[in-house]
Amino acid sequence: MNIPLTLKILGSLLIFLAAALLIPLPFSFYFRDGMAAHFFISSFMALAAGMILYRGFDSEKELSIRDGFSVVTFGWLFYAAFGALPYLISGVIPAPTDALFETMSGFTTTGATILRKIEGMPESILLWRALTHWMGGMGIIVLSLAILPMLGVGGMQLFQAEVPGPTADRLKPRIEDTAKLLWGVYVLLTALETILLMIGGMNLYEALCHAFATLATGGFSTRDASVGAFGSPFIDWVIILFMFLAGINFSLHYYAIRGRIGDYFRNEECRFYIAIAFLSILVLMAANHQRVYDSPLDNLRFSAFQAISILTTTGFGTADYELWPSLTGAILLFLMFVGGCAGSTGGGMKVARVLLLFKHARFQLYHLIHPRAVSLVKLGDVPVDSDVMQSILGFFALFAGVFVFASFLMAATGLDMMTAATSVIATLGNIGPGFGAVGPADNYAHIAPFGKWVLTACMLCGRLELFTVLVLFFPSLWRK
């Protein structure tokens, strides 16, 4: 491990965080919420720590893949720790465990919250919550690659460790150019949604907060009743559209902007994602028809919102889906495991992995019937390398193992099994709401401190797709 270079890069990331902590200041001054001094102090502390690390360590060696794992994992930990300072210093969230939980939930775009009365919170604090979503959505490391040329050395190692999905899709030869293109698309979609939400009746502050949370597939809202508090079909459909777009590989959005709209339908993973979304909506509508909603338009609107919100791991809500028929709960639970596409801001196992698991299972059955036949698992027209398939199978086994182990730990805190299990999948999949005592009408404030630490670890592991975090526990990684 190149510890000096790792610490230097972590210092540069903290310097960037210090700048980001100043973004809520104009809103604090405008709303006169009294938070400005707290953000100044938080920014100064992050800047001081960053400068100490950046100036105090140096290395001429290049970043290795081992260093990439440590920079990404510790980068998220540093951001969660220092990003919690405004909550702690202001006293909005006085308990360190709760503050870290809320901030990790923000940066990992989970959207699980311990806040009970959101509408009574200072506006700049709520903007900071949403901003942590937006920064974490495309990835703080990728963002740093776009604005810090010094990270261009060994940048692909960081990109591979950070970008969600089985593969890191490079749009340009240089990693900095790739990061800038991805963030350009991200900013463009965020601006477009903000404008549409303002047309729908939101003010700039609420439109920004919800746009940040939507494109990041996070789910933090400025209202206690989430998006449902606005009671606006227009706002609901705007957020449905952008949640759906956020769940698609962002490289496809880039190609669409360049005129290659057909790539959405030529991409097999995207087609499978669209099929899952539409089929889930149809099943939810059939289950809710006349049992919950008499109006077909209301049924379509609320069913589509919850299906897309859970599939993309956003976690926004317009209805309490626990009051729906039991079949809908099974569908939503399945969607929690699936998640968004590879290369999207969504969490979960990723659509590409689920698709390839189904294909691999079909291949095994076919091979039993025709043992001498030569057949390959393909994604689109491209054969999937055996190493990639082994990685996917390993990820599936690891995901299941962590889910079961963490569920037992949560049950040990006194939670019922439904709450324990769905709290884990809701945080491991970066979704937010689950079922039972952590359902859409509840939050995570009642969870015991030990349980919050378990779920915080699940958020980090889920956002960085398990391997990046768990590999650090292998002693061989730290040996020369």
Protein backbone atom coordinates (compact mmCIF):
# COMPACT_ATOMS: atom_id res chain seq x y z
CA MET A 1 0.00 0.00 0.00
CA ASN A 2 1.27 3.43 -0.95
CA ILE A 3 0.09 5.10 2.25
CA PRO A 4 1.64 8.58 1.63
CA LEU A 5 -0.01 8.93 -1.79
CA THR A 6 -3.29 7.56 -0.45
CA LEU A 7 -3.33 10.11 2.37
CA LYS A 8 -2.40 12.92 -0.02
CA ILE A 9 -5.34 12.09 -2.28
CA LEU A 10 -7.68 11.83 0.70
CA GLY A 11 -6.48 15.29 1.72
CA SER A 12 -7.37 16.68 -1.71
CA LEU A 13 -10.83 15.14 -1.43
CA LEU A 14 -11.36 16.84 1.94
CA ILE A 15 -10.34 20.17 0.40
CA PHE A 16 -13.05 19.70 -2.19
CA LEU A 17 -15.54 18.80 0.56
CA ALA A 18 -14.60 22.00 2.39
CA ALA A 19 -15.63 23.96 -0.71
CA ALA A 20 -18.87 21.98 -1.03
CA LEU A 21 -19.76 22.78 2.58
CA LEU A 22 -19.99 26.45 1.59
CA ILE A 23 -22.66 25.85 -1.07
CA PRO A 24 -25.61 25.99 1.41
CA LEU A 25 -24.51 29.44 2.67
CA PRO A 26 -26.58 31.53 0.22
CA PHE A 27 -29.68 29.58 1.24
CA SER A 28 -28.84 30.05 4.92
CA PHE A 29 -28.52 33.81 4.42
CA TYR A 30 -31.72 33.98 2.32
CA PHE A 31 -33.86 32.00 4.75
CA ARG A 32 -32.07 33.41 7.83
CA ASP A 33 -31.99 29.98 9.42
CA GLY A 34 -28.92 30.71 11.56
CA MET A 35 -26.81 27.91 10.10
CA ALA A 36 -24.18 30.01 8.29
CA ALA A 37 -21.63 29.98 11.12
CA HIS A 38 -21.97 26.22 11.52
CA PHE A 39 -21.23 25.64 7.84
CA PHE A 40 -18.23 28.01 8.02
CA ILE A 41 -16.80 26.09 10.98
CA SER A 42 -17.45 22.71 9.31
CA SER A 43 -15.78 23.90 6.13
CA PHE A 44 -12.77 25.22 8.03
CA MET A 45 -12.32 21.91 9.88
CA ALA A 46 -12.50 19.91 6.64
CA LEU A 47 -10.08 22.33 4.94
CA ALA A 48 -7.60 22.16 7.84
CA ALA A 49 -7.61 18.35 7.86
CA GLY A 50 -7.33 18.27 4.09
CA MET A 51 -4.39 20.66 3.97
CA ILE A 52 -2.54 18.70 6.66
CA LEU A 53 -2.87 15.48 4.66
CA TYR A 54 -2.25 17.12 1.28
CA ARG A 55 0.86 19.05 2.39
CA GLY A 56 2.15 16.51 4.87
CA PHE A 57 2.45 13.51 2.55
CA ASP A 58 3.91 13.00 -0.90
CA SER A 59 4.88 10.15 -3.19
CA GLU A 60 6.28 9.87 -6.70
CA LYS A 61 4.89 6.39 -7.24
CA GLU A 62 1.79 5.75 -9.35
CA LEU A 63 -1.52 4.72 -7.84
CA SER A 64 -2.01 0.94 -7.88
CA ILE A 65 -5.27 -0.97 -7.87
CA ARG A 66 -4.73 -1.67 -4.16
CA ASP A 67 -4.39 2.04 -3.50
CA GLY A 68 -7.55 2.63 -5.53
CA PHE A 69 -9.58 0.39 -3.22
CA SER A 70 -8.30 2.16 -0.12
CA VAL A 71 -8.76 5.68 -1.53
CA VAL A 72 -12.35 4.98 -2.56
CA THR A 73 -13.40 3.28 0.68
CA PHE A 74 -11.65 5.70 3.03
CA GLY A 75 -12.75 8.60 0.84
CA TRP A 76 -16.38 7.72 1.50
CA LEU A 77 -15.66 7.27 5.22
CA PHE A 78 -13.91 10.65 5.42
CA TYR A 79 -16.76 12.33 3.56
CA ALA A 80 -19.35 10.77 5.86
CA ALA A 81 -17.41 11.80 8.97
CA PHE A 82 -16.68 15.40 7.93
CA GLY A 83 -20.02 15.77 6.14
CA ALA A 84 -21.73 15.09 9.47
CA LEU A 85 -20.13 18.17 11.06
CA PRO A 86 -22.95 20.63 10.20
CA TYR A 87 -25.45 18.31 11.92
CA LEU A 88 -23.29 17.89 15.02
CA ILE A 89 -22.04 21.48 15.41
CA SER A 90 -25.50 22.97 14.94
CA GLY A 91 -27.12 20.42 17.24
CA VAL A 92 -29.67 19.45 14.59
CA ILE A 93 -28.52 15.85 15.08
CA PRO A 94 -26.61 15.82 18.39
CA ALA A 95 -25.76 12.10 18.51
CA PRO A 96 -22.60 11.19 16.49
CA THR A 97 -24.03 7.78 15.50
CA ASP A 98 -27.20 9.39 14.12
CA ALA A 99 -25.26 12.14 12.34
CA LEU A 100 -22.93 9.61 10.69
CA PHE A 101 -25.91 7.43 9.72
CA GLU A 102 -27.68 10.40 8.09
CA THR A 103 -24.58 11.54 6.21
CA MET A 104 -23.60 8.07 5.03
CA SER A 105 -27.19 7.64 3.89
CA GLY A 106 -26.82 10.87 1.93
CA PHE A 107 -23.49 10.19 0.24
CA THR A 108 -24.39 6.58 -0.57
CA THR A 109 -27.76 7.80 -1.97
CA THR A 110 -29.64 5.46 0.36
CA GLY A 111 -32.17 7.95 1.66
CA ALA A 112 -32.76 6.22 5.00
CA THR A 113 -33.26 8.90 7.65
CA ILE A 114 -33.42 9.27 11.42
CA LEU A 115 -35.08 12.72 11.26
CA ARG A 116 -38.64 12.74 12.59
CA LYS A 117 -39.82 16.25 11.67
CA ILE A 118 -38.12 17.19 8.42
CA GLU A 119 -40.29 20.23 7.71
CA GLY A 120 -39.06 21.87 10.92
CA MET A 121 -35.39 21.61 9.91
CA PRO A 122 -33.33 24.64 8.73
CA GLU A 123 -33.50 25.00 4.97
CA SER A 124 -29.72 25.03 4.46
CA ILE A 125 -29.41 21.76 6.41
CA LEU A 126 -31.99 20.10 4.17
CA LEU A 127 -30.19 21.45 1.11
CA TRP A 128 -26.95 19.94 2.45
CA ARG A 129 -28.73 16.57 2.87
CA ALA A 130 -29.83 16.70 -0.76
CA LEU A 131 -26.40 17.89 -1.90
CA THR A 132 -24.74 14.86 -0.26
CA HIS A 133 -27.03 12.75 -2.46
CA TRP A 134 -26.07 14.62 -5.59
CA MET A 135 -22.34 14.44 -4.89
CA GLY A 136 -22.52 10.75 -4.06
CA GLY A 137 -24.78 9.91 -6.98
CA MET A 138 -22.21 9.89 -9.73
CA GLY A 139 -19.44 9.38 -7.22
CA ILE A 140 -17.19 11.69 -5.29
CA ILE A 141 -14.14 10.01 -6.77
CA VAL A 142 -15.34 10.45 -10.36
CA LEU A 143 -16.15 14.07 -9.55
CA SER A 144 -12.64 14.54 -8.27
CA LEU A 145 -11.24 13.00 -11.45
CA ALA A 146 -13.15 15.59 -13.43
CA ILE A 147 -11.79 18.60 -11.53
CA LEU A 148 -8.46 17.46 -10.07
CA PRO A 149 -5.94 16.70 -12.84
CA MET A 150 -3.49 15.41 -10.25
CA LEU A 151 -5.69 12.32 -9.87
CA GLY A 152 -5.19 11.51 -13.54
CA VAL A 153 -2.19 9.40 -12.51
CA GLY A 154 -3.62 5.96 -11.97
CA GLY A 155 -7.10 7.39 -12.41
CA MET A 156 -8.50 4.27 -14.04
CA GLN A 157 -7.86 2.33 -10.84
CA LEU A 158 -10.08 4.78 -8.97
CA PHE A 159 -12.70 4.71 -11.71
CA GLN A 160 -12.88 0.91 -11.71
CA ALA A 161 -13.23 0.85 -7.93
CA GLU A 162 -15.89 3.57 -7.88
CA VAL A 163 -18.18 3.31 -10.92
CA PRO A 164 -21.20 1.09 -10.17
CA GLY A 165 -21.80 -2.06 -12.21
CA PRO A 166 -19.90 -5.07 -13.53
CA THR A 167 -17.77 -2.92 -15.85
CA ALA A 168 -16.62 0.69 -16.00
CA ASP A 169 -17.67 2.02 -19.41
CA ARG A 170 -15.03 4.41 -20.75
CA LEU A 171 -16.39 6.92 -23.25
CA LYS A 172 -13.04 8.60 -23.94
CA PRO A 173 -9.43 7.38 -23.79
CA ARG A 174 -8.55 9.64 -20.87
CA ILE A 175 -10.27 9.04 -17.55
CA GLU A 176 -10.61 12.79 -16.87
CA ASP A 177 -12.53 13.23 -20.12
CA THR A 178 -14.81 10.32 -19.22
CA ALA A 179 -15.59 11.80 -15.82
CA LYS A 180 -16.29 15.23 -17.29
CA LEU A 181 -18.66 13.78 -19.88
CA LEU A 182 -20.57 11.78 -17.27
CA TRP A 183 -20.86 14.78 -15.00
CA GLY A 184 -21.89 16.99 -17.90
CA VAL A 185 -24.85 14.70 -18.59
CA TYR A 186 -25.61 14.57 -14.86
CA VAL A 187 -25.66 18.36 -14.51
CA LEU A 188 -27.77 18.77 -17.66
CA LEU A 189 -30.46 16.35 -16.44
CA THR A 190 -30.43 17.94 -12.98
CA ALA A 191 -30.95 21.42 -14.44
CA LEU A 192 -33.75 20.20 -16.69
CA GLU A 193 -35.60 18.51 -13.84
CA THR A 194 -35.18 21.57 -11.61
CA ILE A 195 -36.83 23.77 -14.24
CA LEU A 196 -39.72 21.33 -14.73
CA LEU A 197 -40.34 21.04 -10.99
CA MET A 198 -40.44 24.84 -10.70
CA ILE A 199 -42.99 24.89 -13.53
CA GLY A 200 -44.96 22.37 -11.47
CA GLY A 201 -45.15 24.76 -8.51
CA MET A 202 -42.03 24.13 -6.42
CA ASN A 203 -39.79 27.03 -5.46
CA LEU A 204 -36.12 26.97 -6.44
CA TYR A 205 -35.02 25.58 -3.08
CA GLU A 206 -37.42 22.61 -3.10
CA ALA A 207 -36.90 21.99 -6.82
CA LEU A 208 -33.12 21.79 -6.33
CA CYS A 209 -33.42 19.48 -3.33
CA HIS A 210 -35.71 17.06 -5.16
CA ALA A 211 -33.73 17.21 -8.39
CA PHE A 212 -30.53 16.44 -6.48
CA ALA A 213 -32.21 13.49 -4.78
CA THR A 214 -33.91 12.21 -7.95
CA LEU A 215 -30.88 12.15 -10.29
CA ALA A 216 -28.80 10.59 -7.53
CA THR A 217 -31.61 8.06 -6.85
CA GLY A 218 -31.37 9.11 -3.21
CA GLY A 219 -34.82 9.93 -1.87
CA PHE A 220 -34.26 12.68 0.73
CA SER A 221 -37.19 15.11 0.57
CA THR A 222 -37.95 18.46 2.20
CA ARG A 223 -41.34 17.18 3.34
CA ASP A 224 -42.33 14.65 5.99
CA ALA A 225 -44.70 12.96 3.53
CA SER A 226 -42.03 12.94 0.80
CA VAL A 227 -43.19 13.77 -2.74
CA GLY A 228 -46.75 12.81 -1.81
CA ALA A 229 -47.00 16.03 0.23
CA PHE A 230 -47.24 18.10 -2.96
CA GLY A 231 -50.30 16.23 -4.27
CA SER A 232 -49.40 17.16 -7.83
CA PRO A 233 -49.74 14.70 -10.73
CA PHE A 234 -47.39 16.88 -12.80
CA ILE A 235 -44.64 16.76 -10.16
CA ASP A 236 -45.16 13.02 -9.72
CA TRP A 237 -44.74 12.32 -13.44
CA VAL A 238 -41.69 14.58 -13.74
CA ILE A 239 -39.99 12.72 -10.89
CA ILE A 240 -41.06 9.34 -12.32
CA LEU A 241 -39.43 10.26 -15.63
CA PHE A 242 -36.15 11.39 -14.11
CA MET A 243 -35.98 8.49 -11.64
CA PHE A 244 -36.39 6.19 -14.63
CA LEU A 245 -33.63 8.01 -16.54
CA ALA A 246 -31.33 7.95 -13.50
CA GLY A 247 -31.63 4.16 -13.41
CA ILE A 248 -30.20 3.84 -16.94
CA ASN A 249 -26.49 3.67 -17.78
CA PHE A 250 -25.39 7.30 -18.11
CA SER A 251 -23.19 6.51 -21.08
CA LEU A 252 -26.41 5.76 -23.01
CA HIS A 253 -27.69 9.24 -22.13
CA TYR A 254 -24.47 10.71 -23.49
CA TYR A 255 -24.89 8.80 -26.75
CA ALA A 256 -28.56 9.85 -26.94
CA ILE A 257 -27.56 13.51 -26.62
CA ARG A 258 -25.18 12.91 -29.51
CA GLY A 259 -28.14 11.67 -31.59
CA ARG A 260 -27.85 7.93 -30.98
CA ILE A 261 -31.24 7.49 -29.25
CA GLY A 262 -31.57 3.99 -30.68
CA ASP A 263 -28.77 2.84 -28.36
CA TYR A 264 -31.32 2.65 -25.56
CA PHE A 265 -33.10 -0.16 -27.37
CA ARG A 266 -30.00 -1.79 -28.83
CA ASN A 267 -28.59 -2.22 -25.33
CA GLU A 268 -29.88 -5.53 -23.94
CA GLU A 269 -29.54 -4.49 -20.30
CA CYS A 270 -31.57 -1.34 -20.96
CA ARG A 271 -34.28 -3.36 -22.73
CA PHE A 272 -34.44 -5.75 -19.77
CA TYR A 273 -34.62 -2.78 -17.37
CA ILE A 274 -37.52 -1.28 -19.35
CA ALA A 275 -39.30 -4.65 -19.41
CA ILE A 276 -38.94 -5.10 -15.64
CA ALA A 277 -40.25 -1.58 -15.02
CA PHE A 278 -43.31 -1.88 -17.25
CA LEU A 279 -44.18 -5.42 -16.17
CA SER A 280 -43.92 -4.40 -12.49
CA ILE A 281 -46.19 -1.41 -13.07
CA LEU A 282 -48.78 -3.60 -14.79
CA VAL A 283 -48.77 -6.15 -11.94
CA LEU A 284 -49.07 -3.41 -9.30
CA MET A 285 -51.93 -1.81 -11.22
CA ALA A 286 -53.74 -5.15 -11.53
CA ALA A 287 -53.37 -5.80 -7.79
CA ASN A 288 -54.48 -2.27 -6.83
CA HIS A 289 -57.37 -2.06 -9.30
CA GLN A 290 -60.58 -1.21 -7.39
CA ARG A 291 -59.02 -2.49 -4.15
CA VAL A 292 -56.98 0.66 -3.58
CA TYR A 293 -57.66 3.01 -6.50
CA ASP A 294 -60.93 3.34 -8.41
CA SER A 295 -59.52 5.77 -10.97
CA PRO A 296 -57.31 4.11 -13.63
CA LEU A 297 -55.23 7.28 -13.92
CA ASP A 298 -54.60 7.42 -10.16
CA ASN A 299 -53.79 3.72 -10.18
CA LEU A 300 -51.27 4.20 -12.99
CA ARG A 301 -49.71 7.26 -11.35
CA PHE A 302 -49.22 5.80 -7.86
CA SER A 303 -48.28 2.30 -9.04
CA ALA A 304 -45.75 3.67 -11.54
CA PHE A 305 -44.25 6.01 -8.97
CA GLN A 306 -43.61 3.30 -6.39
CA ALA A 307 -42.41 0.73 -8.92
CA ILE A 308 -39.87 3.11 -10.45
CA SER A 309 -38.88 4.56 -7.07
CA ILE A 310 -38.04 1.13 -5.66
CA LEU A 311 -36.53 -0.32 -8.85
CA THR A 312 -34.15 2.62 -9.22
CA THR A 313 -33.48 2.54 -5.44
CA THR A 314 -34.60 6.17 -5.08
CA GLY A 315 -37.01 5.62 -2.22
CA PHE A 316 -39.32 8.60 -2.76
CA GLY A 317 -42.92 7.95 -1.75
CA THR A 318 -46.38 9.12 -2.73
CA ALA A 319 -48.29 6.29 -1.02
CA ASP A 320 -47.93 3.85 1.87
CA TYR A 321 -47.37 0.67 -0.12
CA GLU A 322 -47.68 -1.45 3.03
CA LEU A 323 -51.44 -0.80 2.82
CA TRP A 324 -51.56 -2.30 -0.66
CA PRO A 325 -52.42 -5.98 -1.37
CA SER A 326 -49.76 -8.54 -0.36
CA LEU A 327 -48.80 -9.28 -3.98
CA THR A 328 -47.52 -5.73 -4.38
CA GLY A 329 -45.20 -6.22 -1.41
CA ALA A 330 -43.65 -9.27 -3.07
CA ILE A 331 -43.11 -7.34 -6.32
CA LEU A 332 -41.53 -4.37 -4.55
CA LEU A 333 -39.30 -6.66 -2.49
CA PHE A 334 -38.04 -8.28 -5.71
CA LEU A 335 -37.35 -4.84 -7.20
CA MET A 336 -35.30 -3.92 -4.12
CA PHE A 337 -32.83 -6.67 -4.96
CA VAL A 338 -32.64 -5.81 -8.70
CA GLY A 339 -31.79 -2.10 -8.65
CA GLY A 340 -30.75 0.06 -11.59
CA CYS A 341 -28.55 -0.55 -14.62
CA ALA A 342 -24.77 -0.78 -14.48
CA GLY A 343 -23.30 2.69 -14.91
CA SER A 344 -26.38 4.37 -13.41
CA THR A 345 -26.70 6.10 -10.06
CA GLY A 346 -29.02 3.33 -8.86
CA GLY A 347 -28.06 0.74 -6.28
CA GLY A 348 -29.07 -2.89 -5.85
CA MET A 349 -27.50 -5.87 -7.55
CA LYS A 350 -27.78 -4.15 -10.97
CA VAL A 351 -29.93 -5.25 -13.89
CA ALA A 352 -26.94 -6.56 -15.88
CA ARG A 353 -26.01 -8.99 -13.12
CA VAL A 354 -29.58 -10.24 -12.72
CA LEU A 355 -29.91 -10.70 -16.48
CA LEU A 356 -26.64 -12.62 -16.71
CA LEU A 357 -27.60 -14.79 -13.73
CA PHE A 358 -30.80 -15.80 -15.53
CA LYS A 359 -28.84 -16.47 -18.71
CA HIS A 360 -26.25 -18.51 -16.85
CA ALA A 361 -28.97 -20.61 -15.20
CA ARG A 362 -30.57 -21.22 -18.60
CA PHE A 363 -27.16 -22.17 -20.01
CA GLN A 364 -26.64 -24.72 -17.23
CA LEU A 365 -30.04 -26.30 -17.88
CA TYR A 366 -29.38 -26.41 -21.62
CA HIS A 367 -25.98 -27.98 -20.99
CA LEU A 368 -27.60 -30.78 -18.96
CA ILE A 369 -29.80 -31.65 -21.93
CA HIS A 370 -27.08 -31.16 -24.56
CA PRO A 371 -23.77 -31.87 -22.78
CA ARG A 372 -21.73 -31.73 -26.00
CA ALA A 373 -23.24 -28.50 -27.29
CA VAL A 374 -21.04 -25.39 -27.44
CA SER A 375 -22.95 -22.37 -26.17
CA LEU A 376 -21.86 -19.03 -24.75
CA VAL A 377 -23.53 -16.62 -22.36
CA LYS A 378 -23.87 -13.30 -24.18
CA LEU A 379 -24.85 -9.78 -23.20
CA GLY A 380 -26.21 -8.36 -26.40
CA ASP A 381 -24.01 -9.78 -29.15
CA VAL A 382 -20.88 -9.86 -26.98
CA PRO A 383 -19.84 -13.15 -25.32
CA VAL A 384 -19.37 -12.76 -21.57
CA ASP A 385 -15.89 -13.73 -20.47
CA SER A 386 -15.76 -16.57 -17.96
CA ASP A 387 -13.88 -14.34 -15.51
CA VAL A 388 -16.69 -11.77 -15.62
CA MET A 389 -19.27 -14.51 -15.07
CA GLN A 390 -17.30 -15.85 -12.12
CA SER A 391 -17.13 -12.34 -10.69
CA ILE A 392 -20.91 -11.97 -11.01
CA LEU A 393 -21.53 -15.33 -9.35
CA GLY A 394 -19.11 -14.36 -6.59
CA PHE A 395 -20.88 -11.02 -6.14
CA PHE A 396 -24.26 -12.77 -5.91
CA ALA A 397 -22.97 -15.18 -3.26
CA LEU A 398 -21.32 -12.35 -1.33
CA PHE A 399 -24.44 -10.17 -1.55
CA ALA A 400 -26.60 -13.02 -0.24
CA GLY A 401 -24.12 -13.80 2.53
CA VAL A 402 -23.88 -10.20 3.74
CA PHE A 403 -27.67 -9.86 3.55
CA VAL A 404 -28.26 -12.95 5.71
CA PHE A 405 -25.49 -12.14 8.21
CA ALA A 406 -26.55 -8.50 8.64
CA SER A 407 -30.21 -9.56 8.95
CA PHE A 408 -29.31 -11.82 11.88
CA LEU A 409 -27.38 -8.95 13.50
CA MET A 410 -30.37 -6.65 13.13
CA ALA A 411 -32.71 -9.29 14.53
CA ALA A 412 -30.37 -9.57 17.52
CA THR A 413 -31.16 -5.92 18.35
CA GLY A 414 -34.78 -6.91 19.03
CA LEU A 415 -36.36 -6.16 15.65
CA ASP A 416 -38.90 -8.51 14.10
CA MET A 417 -37.56 -10.52 11.19
CA MET A 418 -39.45 -8.57 8.51
CA THR A 419 -38.08 -5.26 9.77
CA ALA A 420 -34.59 -6.70 10.29
CA ALA A 421 -34.36 -8.25 6.82
CA THR A 422 -35.87 -5.35 4.89
CA SER A 423 -33.81 -2.77 6.79
CA VAL A 424 -30.73 -4.61 5.53
CA ILE A 425 -31.83 -4.89 1.90
CA ALA A 426 -33.05 -1.26 2.02
CA THR A 427 -29.57 -0.09 3.09
CA LEU A 428 -27.45 -2.68 1.28
CA GLY A 429 -29.37 -1.89 -1.91
CA ASN A 430 -29.26 1.87 -1.13
CA ILE A 431 -33.05 2.14 -1.30
CA GLY A 432 -34.13 3.79 1.96
CA PRO A 433 -37.59 2.59 3.00
CA GLY A 434 -38.27 -1.08 3.66
CA PHE A 435 -41.17 -2.89 5.31
CA GLY A 436 -42.40 -3.25 8.87
CA ALA A 437 -41.01 -0.71 11.33
CA VAL A 438 -38.84 0.85 8.59
CA GLY A 439 -41.63 1.11 6.03
CA PRO A 440 -42.57 4.20 4.00
CA ALA A 441 -44.53 5.70 6.91
CA ASP A 442 -41.68 5.18 9.40
CA ASN A 443 -37.95 5.92 9.64
CA TYR A 444 -34.80 4.58 11.29
CA ALA A 445 -34.75 6.76 14.42
CA HIS A 446 -35.92 3.91 16.68
CA ILE A 447 -33.13 1.52 15.60
CA ALA A 448 -30.61 0.77 18.37
CA PRO A 449 -27.14 2.39 18.01
CA PHE A 450 -25.53 -0.98 17.22
CA GLY A 451 -28.12 -1.57 14.51
CA LYS A 452 -27.43 1.85 13.01
CA TRP A 453 -23.72 0.99 12.78
CA VAL A 454 -24.58 -2.29 11.04
CA LEU A 455 -26.83 -0.48 8.56
CA THR A 456 -24.24 2.26 8.02
CA ALA A 457 -21.74 -0.44 7.06
CA CYS A 458 -24.38 -1.97 4.75
CA MET A 459 -24.83 1.41 3.01
CA LEU A 460 -21.10 1.73 2.37
CA CYS A 461 -20.73 -1.87 1.18
CA GLY A 462 -23.78 -1.57 -1.06
CA ARG A 463 -22.73 1.73 -2.64
CA LEU A 464 -19.23 0.45 -3.39
CA GLU A 465 -20.55 -2.96 -4.44
CA LEU A 466 -19.07 -5.09 -1.65
CA PHE A 467 -15.75 -6.06 -3.25
CA THR A 468 -14.19 -2.60 -2.90
CA VAL A 469 -14.82 -2.54 0.85
CA LEU A 470 -14.46 -6.18 1.84
CA VAL A 471 -11.17 -6.64 -0.03
CA LEU A 472 -9.58 -4.32 2.54
CA PHE A 473 -10.06 -7.01 5.18
CA PHE A 474 -7.66 -9.37 3.38
CA PRO A 475 -4.23 -9.15 5.09
CA SER A 476 -2.49 -9.85 1.78
CA LEU A 477 -3.75 -6.51 0.42
CA TRP A 478 -1.61 -4.65 2.97
CA ARG A 479 1.55 -6.67 2.48
CA LYS A 480 4.34 -5.53 0.18
